[in-house]
Protein backbone atom coordinates (compact mmCIF):
# COMPACT_ATOMS: atom_id res chain seq x y z
CA UNK A 1 7.24 -34.00 -37.04
CA UNK A 2 8.53 -37.27 -35.56
CA UNK A 3 5.08 -38.38 -34.44
CA UNK A 4 4.30 -35.36 -32.21
CA UNK A 5 1.14 -33.48 -33.17
CA UNK A 6 1.75 -29.87 -34.12
CA UNK A 7 -0.86 -28.56 -31.67
CA UNK A 8 1.05 -30.18 -28.80
CA UNK A 9 4.19 -28.22 -29.71
CA UNK A 10 2.20 -24.98 -29.58
CA UNK A 11 0.64 -26.04 -26.29
CA UNK A 12 4.11 -26.58 -24.75
CA UNK A 13 5.33 -23.25 -26.15
CA UNK A 14 2.27 -21.46 -24.73
CA UNK A 15 2.77 -22.91 -21.24
CA UNK A 16 6.48 -22.15 -21.40
CA UNK A 17 5.68 -18.47 -22.05
CA UNK A 18 3.02 -18.44 -19.29
CA UNK A 19 5.51 -19.88 -16.80
CA UNK A 20 8.21 -17.35 -17.70
CA UNK A 21 5.75 -14.45 -17.36
CA UNK A 22 4.47 -15.78 -14.01
CA UNK A 23 8.00 -16.16 -12.67
CA UNK A 24 8.89 -12.64 -13.83
CA UNK A 25 5.85 -11.16 -12.08
CA UNK A 26 6.56 -13.10 -8.88
CA UNK A 27 10.23 -12.11 -9.00
CA UNK A 28 9.28 -8.45 -9.37
CA UNK A 29 7.13 -8.52 -6.23
CA UNK A 30 9.72 -10.49 -4.29
CA UNK A 31 12.39 -7.97 -5.27
CA UNK A 32 10.19 -5.08 -4.13
CA UNK A 33 9.70 -6.79 -0.77
CA UNK A 34 13.45 -7.39 -0.55
CA UNK A 35 14.12 -3.67 -1.11
CA UNK A 36 11.79 -2.77 1.77
CA UNK A 37 13.81 -4.97 4.14
CA UNK A 38 17.18 -3.43 3.25
CA UNK A 39 18.42 -1.00 5.93
CA UNK A 40 18.54 2.69 5.06
CA UNK A 41 21.20 5.18 6.19
CA UNK A 42 19.78 5.27 9.71
CA UNK A 43 20.15 1.49 10.06
CA UNK A 44 16.41 0.73 9.94
CA UNK A 45 14.49 -0.59 6.96
CA UNK A 46 11.20 0.75 5.66
CA UNK A 47 9.40 -2.17 7.35
CA UNK A 48 11.18 -1.43 10.65
CA UNK A 49 9.93 2.15 10.53
CA UNK A 50 6.40 1.02 9.67
CA UNK A 51 6.39 -1.34 12.66
CA UNK A 52 7.79 1.42 14.87
CA UNK A 53 5.07 3.92 13.95
CA UNK A 54 2.29 1.34 14.25
CA UNK A 55 3.42 0.26 17.72
CA UNK A 56 4.09 3.80 18.92
CA UNK A 57 0.67 5.04 17.77
CA UNK A 58 -1.32 1.98 18.90
CA UNK A 59 -2.74 3.71 22.04
CA UNK A 60 -3.91 6.69 19.96
CA UNK A 61 -6.35 4.69 17.82
CA UNK A 62 -10.06 4.66 18.71
CA UNK A 63 -13.02 2.90 17.11
CA UNK A 64 -13.83 5.81 14.75
CA UNK A 65 -10.28 6.04 13.44
CA UNK A 66 -10.12 2.26 12.96
CA UNK A 67 -13.37 2.39 10.98
CA UNK A 68 -11.95 5.23 8.88
CA UNK A 69 -8.83 3.17 8.20
CA UNK A 70 -10.98 0.22 7.09
CA UNK A 71 -12.92 2.56 4.80
CA UNK A 72 -9.71 3.91 3.28
CA UNK A 73 -8.26 0.47 2.48
CA UNK A 74 -11.55 -0.89 1.09
CA UNK A 75 -10.58 -0.35 -2.60
CA UNK A 76 -7.34 -2.34 -2.20
CA UNK A 77 -7.66 -5.91 -3.54
CA UNK A 78 -8.17 -8.49 -0.79
CA UNK A 79 -4.78 -10.26 -0.96
CA UNK A 80 -2.94 -6.94 -0.55
CA UNK A 81 -5.30 -5.26 1.92
CA UNK A 82 -3.48 -6.28 5.13
CA UNK A 83 -0.15 -5.01 3.84
CA UNK A 84 -1.71 -1.76 2.63
CA UNK A 85 -3.55 -1.34 5.93
CA UNK A 86 -0.30 -1.73 7.88
CA UNK A 87 1.63 0.79 5.79
CA UNK A 88 -1.24 3.32 5.79
CA UNK A 89 -1.72 2.90 9.55
CA UNK A 90 2.01 3.51 10.04
CA UNK A 91 1.86 6.75 8.06
CA UNK A 92 -1.30 7.88 9.89
CA UNK A 93 0.37 7.12 13.22
CA UNK A 94 3.47 9.05 12.17
CA UNK A 95 1.32 12.05 11.22
CA UNK A 96 -0.66 11.94 14.49
CA UNK A 97 2.49 11.66 16.60
CA UNK A 98 4.14 14.41 14.54
CA UNK A 99 1.29 16.75 15.51
CA UNK A 100 1.56 15.69 19.15
CA UNK A 101 -2.04 14.43 19.15
CA UNK A 102 -3.53 12.41 21.98
CA UNK A 103 -5.70 10.42 19.55
CA UNK A 104 -5.90 9.69 15.83
CA UNK A 105 -8.52 11.92 14.21
CA UNK A 106 -10.32 12.06 10.88
CA UNK A 107 -7.84 14.66 9.60
CA UNK A 108 -4.86 12.52 10.60
CA UNK A 109 -6.39 9.59 8.70
CA UNK A 110 -6.94 11.60 5.53
CA UNK A 111 -3.50 13.23 5.62
CA UNK A 112 -1.76 9.95 6.41
CA UNK A 113 -3.67 8.20 3.63
CA UNK A 114 -2.59 10.84 1.11
CA UNK A 115 1.03 10.71 2.30
CA UNK A 116 1.07 6.88 2.17
CA UNK A 117 -0.30 6.78 -1.38
CA UNK A 118 2.33 6.76 -4.17
CA UNK A 119 2.19 9.79 -6.48
CA UNK A 120 1.36 7.58 -9.46
CA UNK A 121 -1.95 6.66 -7.76
CA UNK A 122 -3.14 10.20 -6.95
CA UNK A 123 -5.79 10.22 -9.70
CA UNK A 124 -7.33 7.03 -8.29
CA UNK A 125 -6.97 8.45 -4.76
CA UNK A 126 -8.90 11.62 -5.62
CA UNK A 127 -11.61 9.61 -7.42
CA UNK A 128 -12.00 7.41 -4.34
CA UNK A 129 -12.13 10.39 -1.95
CA UNK A 130 -14.77 12.13 -4.11
CA UNK A 131 -16.86 8.96 -4.41
CA UNK A 132 -16.78 8.34 -0.64
CA UNK A 133 -17.48 11.99 0.21
CA UNK A 134 -14.24 12.36 2.16
CA UNK A 135 -13.21 16.00 2.56
CA UNK A 136 -9.57 16.55 1.65
CA UNK A 137 -9.41 20.20 0.51
CA UNK A 138 -7.05 21.22 3.32
CA UNK A 139 -4.58 18.55 2.16
CA UNK A 140 -4.73 19.32 -1.56
CA UNK A 141 -1.28 20.88 -1.36
CA UNK A 142 0.11 17.38 -0.63
CA UNK A 143 -1.45 16.03 -3.82
CA UNK A 144 -0.35 18.96 -5.99
CA UNK A 145 3.34 18.79 -5.01
């Protein structure tokens, strides 16, 4: 074929497919991030609300609750851990403030973690909680919705 080795054509085709797949995956995650920034009906985006709950609950966190949060985000892959930690901390803070607590407790951490976890990940969530010996029986109704 006009002096070009056949293997080189397949090599170019392979890298073309790899690049298209990589761009599609990157575009998917960028689009998800874009959706989080869009304002909702109340005028605030999901990220605005997460920042609000984190800042509002900041004085309620103590060393034990921070350690519990670190334990809960441990199974999240490293590159995504900070983002997951922020969103889980926001939900825990929202739960603690909703109960009118003066500090974030173990129960707030477990309930907030369950509420922050997408329903599609509940099987992995329960496996993790069992493995770590974290008691969640009083919040099972949240998982079984």
